[in-house]
Each structure stands twice: as structure tokens, then as C-alpha cells.
Protein backbone atom coordinates (compact mmCIF):
# COMPACT_ATOMS: atom_id res chain seq x y z
CA MET A 1 98.31 27.69 41.43
CA GLY A 2 97.59 27.82 45.22
CA THR A 3 94.74 29.74 46.16
CA THR A 4 94.12 31.57 49.47
CA GLU A 5 91.12 31.89 51.44
CA GLU A 6 90.09 35.28 52.26
CA THR A 7 89.84 35.80 56.40
CA PRO A 8 85.94 36.77 56.36
CA LEU A 9 84.96 40.35 57.92
CA ASP A 10 83.36 40.66 61.25
CA GLU A 11 80.59 43.21 60.43
CA ALA A 12 80.20 43.90 64.00
CA LYS A 13 83.97 44.81 64.68
CA LEU A 14 84.31 46.96 61.38
CA GLU A 15 80.74 49.00 62.40
CA ALA A 16 82.63 49.50 66.20
CA LEU A 17 86.19 50.52 64.47
CA VAL A 18 84.26 52.70 61.71
CA GLY A 19 82.10 54.51 64.48
CA GLN A 20 85.11 55.19 66.53
CA ALA A 21 87.27 56.51 63.46
CA VAL A 22 84.39 58.99 62.86
CA ALA A 23 83.79 59.87 66.88
CA ASP A 24 87.72 60.57 66.78
CA MET A 25 87.44 63.37 63.66
CA GLY A 26 84.10 64.74 65.20
CA ALA A 27 86.36 65.26 68.63
CA ALA A 28 89.23 66.74 66.76
CA ILE A 29 87.00 69.29 64.98
CA SER A 30 85.80 70.06 68.27
CA GLY A 31 89.43 70.74 69.64
CA LEU A 32 90.01 73.22 67.04
CA LEU A 33 86.73 74.75 67.71
CA LEU A 34 87.58 75.23 71.60
CA HIS A 35 91.21 76.10 70.79
CA MET A 36 89.13 78.98 68.47
CA GLY A 37 87.10 79.75 71.22
CA ASP A 38 89.59 80.75 73.47
CA ARG A 39 91.79 82.34 71.21
CA LEU A 40 89.25 84.79 70.25
CA GLY A 41 88.00 85.67 73.45
CA LEU A 42 84.59 84.21 73.00
CA TYR A 43 84.66 82.22 76.40
CA LYS A 44 86.13 84.60 78.29
CA ALA A 45 83.25 87.38 76.85
CA MET A 46 80.81 84.94 78.01
CA ALA A 47 81.50 84.36 81.60
CA GLY A 48 79.48 85.47 83.84
CA ALA A 49 77.81 88.03 81.33
CA GLY A 50 74.25 85.57 81.29
CA PRO A 51 72.38 85.06 78.06
CA MET A 52 73.16 86.67 74.93
CA THR A 53 72.87 86.32 71.55
CA SER A 54 75.64 85.73 68.63
CA ALA A 55 75.19 89.26 67.22
CA ALA A 56 76.32 90.58 70.81
CA LEU A 57 79.00 88.48 71.37
CA ALA A 58 80.25 89.02 67.92
CA ALA A 59 80.22 92.94 68.90
CA ARG A 60 81.65 92.27 72.40
CA THR A 61 84.76 89.94 70.85
CA GLY A 62 84.77 92.27 67.25
CA THR A 63 84.39 89.03 65.43
CA SER A 64 81.87 87.99 62.71
CA GLU A 65 78.16 87.26 64.00
CA ARG A 66 78.00 84.96 61.12
CA TYR A 67 80.69 82.77 62.27
CA VAL A 68 79.72 82.78 65.71
CA ARG A 69 76.34 81.99 65.06
CA GLU A 70 78.29 78.78 63.67
CA TRP A 71 80.46 78.41 66.24
CA LEU A 72 77.91 78.80 69.15
CA GLY A 73 75.71 76.30 67.28
CA HIS A 74 78.02 73.36 67.88
CA GLN A 75 79.33 74.48 71.47
CA ALA A 76 75.60 74.14 72.18
CA ALA A 77 75.37 70.56 70.65
CA GLY A 78 78.34 69.57 72.50
CA GLY A 79 77.09 71.05 75.87
CA TYR A 80 79.84 73.50 76.07
CA VAL A 81 77.08 76.36 76.28
CA THR A 82 73.56 76.29 76.82
CA TYR A 83 70.59 77.67 74.28
CA ASP A 84 67.40 79.19 75.01
CA PRO A 85 65.09 78.90 71.77
CA ALA A 86 62.76 81.13 72.98
CA SER A 87 64.86 84.16 73.37
CA ARG A 88 67.50 82.28 70.81
CA THR A 89 70.39 83.33 73.27
CA PHE A 90 73.28 81.34 74.34
CA GLU A 91 75.02 81.30 78.12
CA LEU A 92 78.38 79.73 79.14
CA PRO A 93 77.64 78.15 83.05
CA PRO A 94 79.57 78.43 85.68
CA GLU A 95 80.94 74.97 85.36
CA GLN A 96 81.93 75.55 81.87
CA ALA A 97 83.51 78.79 82.69
CA MET A 98 85.54 76.77 85.13
CA VAL A 99 86.71 74.64 82.61
CA LEU A 100 86.83 77.11 79.87
CA ALA A 101 87.25 80.74 80.61
CA ASP A 102 88.89 80.80 84.31
CA GLU A 103 92.95 80.48 83.95
CA ASP A 104 93.17 80.49 87.63
CA SER A 105 90.71 77.83 87.92
CA PRO A 106 92.03 74.34 88.89
CA VAL A 107 90.03 72.28 86.14
CA PHE A 108 90.84 75.12 83.48
CA LEU A 109 91.66 72.93 80.18
CA SER A 110 91.57 75.48 77.28
CA GLY A 111 95.80 75.62 77.20
CA ALA A 112 95.47 72.14 76.64
CA PHE A 113 94.01 72.57 73.41
CA GLU A 114 96.25 74.77 72.26
CA ALA A 115 98.94 72.04 72.35
CA ILE A 116 96.54 69.96 70.62
CA ALA A 117 96.10 72.55 67.56
CA SER A 118 99.95 73.16 67.78
CA CYS A 119 100.35 69.28 66.71
CA TYR A 120 98.59 69.86 63.78
CA ALA A 121 100.52 72.65 62.30
CA ASP A 122 103.38 71.22 62.69
CA HIS A 123 102.65 67.76 61.32
CA ASP A 124 105.21 68.09 58.73
CA ARG A 125 107.68 67.77 61.33
CA PHE A 126 106.90 64.77 62.80
CA VAL A 127 106.07 62.85 59.86
CA ASP A 128 110.03 63.74 59.68
CA ALA A 129 110.98 62.66 62.75
CA PHE A 130 109.10 59.45 62.11
CA GLN A 131 111.05 58.80 59.40
CA ILE A 132 114.70 59.72 60.24
CA GLY A 133 114.38 60.13 64.05
CA ASP A 134 115.19 63.41 66.06
CA ALA A 135 118.58 64.55 63.85
CA ALA A 136 115.62 65.47 61.22
CA TYR A 137 117.71 68.69 60.82
CA LEU A 138 120.71 67.55 62.66
CA VAL A 139 123.11 68.13 59.46
CA SER A 140 121.06 71.13 57.79
CA GLU A 141 120.62 73.27 60.78
CA TRP A 142 122.24 72.17 64.13
CA LEU A 143 125.90 71.51 62.92
CA PRO A 144 125.74 74.94 61.36
CA ALA A 145 124.98 76.51 64.11
CA LEU A 146 128.23 75.61 66.07
CA ASP A 147 131.13 77.92 65.76
CA GLU A 148 133.57 76.16 63.08
CA VAL A 149 132.57 72.85 63.55
CA VAL A 150 131.15 71.91 60.30
CA ASP A 151 134.27 73.19 58.46
CA LYS A 152 136.10 70.49 60.80
CA LEU A 153 133.71 67.96 59.92
CA ARG A 154 134.70 68.60 56.81
CA ASP A 155 138.00 68.20 56.51
CA GLY A 156 137.81 65.03 58.64
CA ALA A 157 137.23 65.34 62.68
CA SER A 158 137.03 62.96 65.04
CA VAL A 159 133.28 62.65 66.56
CA ALA A 160 131.62 61.19 69.30
CA ASP A 161 127.74 60.33 69.67
CA VAL A 162 127.10 59.40 73.41
CA GLY A 163 123.48 57.96 74.20
CA CYS A 164 123.19 56.99 70.00
CA GLY A 165 120.82 54.33 70.93
CA ARG A 166 120.40 52.54 67.47
CA GLY A 167 122.78 55.18 65.51
CA ALA A 168 120.57 57.05 63.52
CA SER A 169 122.02 60.19 64.35
CA THR A 170 125.62 58.86 63.97
CA ILE A 171 124.98 57.71 60.29
CA ILE A 172 123.45 60.87 59.33
CA MET A 173 126.63 62.47 59.93
CA ALA A 174 128.81 59.86 58.82
CA ARG A 175 127.09 59.97 55.54
CA ALA A 176 127.39 63.75 55.27
CA PHE A 177 131.09 64.22 56.42
CA GLY A 178 133.01 61.40 54.32
CA ARG A 179 136.44 62.24 55.87
CA SER A 180 135.36 61.98 59.52
CA SER A 181 135.34 59.49 61.90
CA PHE A 182 132.53 58.59 64.36
CA LEU A 183 132.16 56.66 67.51
CA GLY A 184 128.76 55.92 68.61
CA LEU A 185 128.25 55.14 72.54
CA ASP A 186 125.34 53.43 74.47
CA SER A 187 124.96 51.25 77.15
CA HIS A 188 122.36 48.99 75.63
CA GLU A 189 123.82 46.04 73.84
CA ALA A 190 120.73 45.03 71.37
CA ALA A 191 121.06 49.06 70.11
CA ILE A 192 124.39 49.17 69.34
CA ALA A 193 124.16 45.61 67.68
CA ASP A 194 121.36 47.32 65.79
CA ALA A 195 123.35 50.47 64.94
CA ARG A 196 126.59 48.60 63.64
CA GLN A 197 124.17 46.49 61.46
CA ALA A 198 122.52 49.77 60.11
CA ALA A 199 125.73 51.38 59.45
CA ALA A 200 126.62 48.72 57.45
CA GLU A 201 123.60 48.67 55.23
CA ALA A 202 124.30 52.63 54.95
CA GLY A 203 127.68 52.03 53.53
CA VAL A 204 129.62 53.70 56.53
CA GLY A 205 130.67 50.78 58.57
CA GLN A 206 134.15 51.70 57.66
CA ARG A 207 134.20 55.21 59.24
CA THR A 208 132.10 54.03 62.41
CA ARG A 209 132.13 52.04 65.29
CA PHE A 210 129.96 51.08 68.19
CA GLU A 211 130.66 50.54 71.72
CA VAL A 212 128.81 49.52 74.54
CA ALA A 213 129.56 51.53 77.40
CA ALA A 214 127.97 54.53 79.47
CA ALA A 215 128.43 58.36 79.10
CA THR A 216 130.89 58.26 81.87
CA GLU A 217 132.91 55.70 80.34
CA LEU A 218 133.89 57.59 76.95
CA PRO A 219 137.05 56.06 75.63
CA GLY A 220 139.73 58.15 74.25
CA ILE A 221 140.74 61.54 74.19
CA GLY A 222 140.85 64.26 71.53
CA TYR A 223 137.35 64.19 70.01
CA ASP A 224 136.52 67.06 67.92
CA LEU A 225 133.01 67.16 68.40
CA VAL A 226 130.71 65.10 71.20
CA CYS A 227 126.73 64.62 70.77
CA LEU A 228 124.53 64.08 73.26
CA PHE A 229 120.90 63.94 71.67
CA ASP A 230 118.07 63.48 74.23
CA CYS A 231 119.97 61.41 76.99
CA LEU A 232 121.85 64.00 79.42
CA PRO A 233 119.67 63.91 81.98
CA ASP A 234 119.07 60.22 81.55
CA THR A 235 123.05 59.10 82.20
CA GLY A 236 122.30 58.62 85.79
CA ASP A 237 125.07 61.11 86.42
CA PRO A 238 124.50 63.93 84.06
CA VAL A 239 127.26 66.07 85.91
CA GLY A 240 129.85 62.79 86.15
CA ALA A 241 129.22 62.22 82.09
CA GLY A 242 129.71 65.94 81.55
CA ARG A 243 133.63 65.62 82.86
CA ARG A 244 134.22 62.68 81.02
CA ILE A 245 133.41 64.32 78.03
CA ARG A 246 135.23 67.79 78.97
CA GLN A 247 138.17 65.18 79.25
CA ALA A 248 137.74 63.50 76.10
CA LEU A 249 137.55 66.34 74.25
CA ALA A 250 140.21 68.32 72.04
CA PRO A 251 141.15 71.78 73.86
CA ASP A 252 138.98 73.38 70.69
CA GLY A 253 136.57 71.06 70.73
CA THR A 254 132.58 71.26 70.87
CA LEU A 255 129.90 69.75 72.91
CA LEU A 256 126.58 69.55 71.29
CA VAL A 257 123.72 69.10 73.89
CA VAL A 258 119.96 68.91 72.26
CA GLU A 259 116.94 68.64 75.05
CA PRO A 260 113.28 68.62 74.32
CA MET A 261 112.31 72.74 74.68
CA ALA A 262 111.55 73.24 78.18
CA GLY A 263 110.85 76.36 80.22
CA ASP A 264 113.29 77.67 82.84
CA GLY A 265 112.55 75.89 86.35
CA LEU A 266 113.72 73.94 89.34
CA GLY A 267 115.05 70.54 88.79
CA LEU A 268 116.30 68.39 86.04
CA GLY A 269 114.02 65.75 85.60
CA ALA A 270 113.35 64.70 82.19
CA GLN A 271 113.06 67.66 80.25
CA ALA A 272 115.82 70.04 81.63
CA ARG A 273 115.87 73.77 81.16
CA GLN A 274 118.59 76.27 80.03
CA ARG A 275 119.38 77.45 83.22
CA ARG A 276 119.52 73.98 84.76
CA LEU A 277 121.95 72.64 82.02
CA THR A 278 124.09 75.26 81.85
CA GLU A 279 124.70 74.63 85.65
CA VAL A 280 125.48 70.90 84.95
CA LEU A 281 127.44 71.76 82.25
CA ARG A 282 129.44 74.53 84.27
CA GLU A 283 129.84 71.84 86.95
CA ALA A 284 131.25 69.43 84.71
CA GLY A 285 134.23 72.31 83.68
CA PHE A 286 132.78 73.48 80.56
CA SER A 287 133.68 77.23 80.81
CA ARG A 288 131.15 78.95 77.52
CA VAL A 289 128.12 77.37 77.09
CA ARG A 290 125.15 79.19 74.90
CA ARG A 291 122.09 78.17 72.86
CA ALA A 292 122.89 77.69 69.35
CA THR A 293 119.56 77.31 67.95
CA GLN A 294 116.07 76.01 68.36
CA THR A 295 113.14 74.44 66.82
CA PRO A 296 109.61 74.25 68.32
CA PHE A 297 110.96 70.78 70.13
CA ASN A 298 114.34 71.18 70.43
CA LEU A 299 116.90 73.26 72.55
CA ILE A 300 120.69 72.76 70.75
CA LEU A 301 123.29 73.94 73.16
CA GLU A 302 127.25 74.09 72.29
CA ALA A 303 129.31 73.89 75.54
CA ARG A 304 132.91 74.68 75.43
CA PRO A 305 136.01 73.67 77.27
């Protein structure tokens, strides 16, 4: 029986990595406390108010003095507020106020900590996304939100998944709806090769096919459902892609568009807004566009001819 030699540990590298991890832990906790200071209005209450005790800050913000005292201790240790041991008072200097309290300041950062806090709150969704991709809620929530589409899929529908990448969403739908047939389309040859292999391994190779083509080159007509998952702004010609899909749909067919959630504004960009997406789809010939559902991360639109 052979033996394997253990790789010797580099103690300096190990110590440096542990130190980095501990520092990251501390930063994560600090981020949470910064978010709480913003959410509870503690920074705004301190801005311009001069030195104050923990009791005074708690009274001004309607919070518990014990918790405020602990929070202020952390803030002082991190340099976010200053502390005068003689008077036992804390103060938010003007520089810190610009970063933490003044929403009109060009260096205001408190909103960023809210985004970080939301990532922790939704970590289960991130785990799901890593395991099965962006289509985690495709079968359970997104497709049922479309008018009459699930019934068609159960009876046997023709589906095109445009911009399918490695075929994760195509395969998920094929496994869920055994009577329907699916075409996955993508412009990257390597991704299509991976999709074909994945479909065969998933046991749906006979009901799925994958082709290398652009969205404007969608082959065939009469599709009951065409899907665009996080790819319409990236097609290069969103209106042209929409027109080709409109031509390829059956008269009562449906286009499903899923994009990252973003507020309305100018431009299409990498994260298109609902209003701009609707304008693009109407220009492409769709007469009805509606928000079918949404998640904290995704906007799901239904478009009909």
C-alpha cells in the first residue's frame, strides 16, 4: 500500500489567513451596527448636536439606553464617533456626519450598508441561485403567474429558451413538463455543447434540442412560449430580437422576460427598467405587456402579440 506525504503547513500563511478571516468577521459585524445606526436614526440625531451621553441619545431617538451605550462604545472604538472620558459623552464629528448622516452629501454611504444587510437577510435565496441558477422559482412561481401558460405546458407546448446559456432553465422546464418540447438557443458554441450534455444527463435529451444562433435568428414559428432570462438588453438588438420572437410566436403565444429588478429611469443598460423594457417590446410589436410577478431580485414580464 502506497503512502502519501502530507503537505507541510506554511505557518505564516495560515496565521495571515486566520487574521484576514477574523478581520472580515469584525467588518461584517461593524457593517450591521452601522446599518442599525442609520435605520434607528442614531447618526442623524447626533449630527450637529455636539457631545451627548448615551442616555441623551436614547431619549432623543426613543431607543433603549443600555443598547445605545453598547452601540456607542463600538462606534467610538471604530472611529465613527469620538468619546470624551472626562464627561462620558460621545460626538459625531462633521466629517463622519457627511458619510453617515447627511443624505445629500456626495460621500454618504449608509445606504450601502442597507444593501449589505439585505444580502444577509436573503442568503437562502443566494444559496438556491448557486445550486440551480436564476431559474430557482421558474416552475413554482414565474410560469404560474402567466395567463394559461402552465396548462399549455402540461398538455404539450412548444417552447423556445432564447439566450439559454448552458441550458439550466431549459432543462428545469423540460423536467417539469414531460409533454412539451424545448429549444435552447445561444450564440456561444461552448455553452450549447455543455447544454446538450447536461440535457442528456438529466434524461430530457429527446425532448430538448440546442442550437447556436442569435436571438434575431430564432428558427421556426408557432411557439406557445418563448423565454428570455436576463438577456434581452444583451442581445445587441433588443428591438430586432423582440420582432423576431413576435413573428415566431403562435397567435396566442406568450413571451416571458425575466430581468434583474431595477427602478425606472433613462436608458436600457445592463439592468433595464420596466418602463424601458415595455417600450422596447411594444416597438417590437407586442400589444400587451404586464408585470406578471416579481422577487427581490427579479422582474418578470409577460408580453402577448
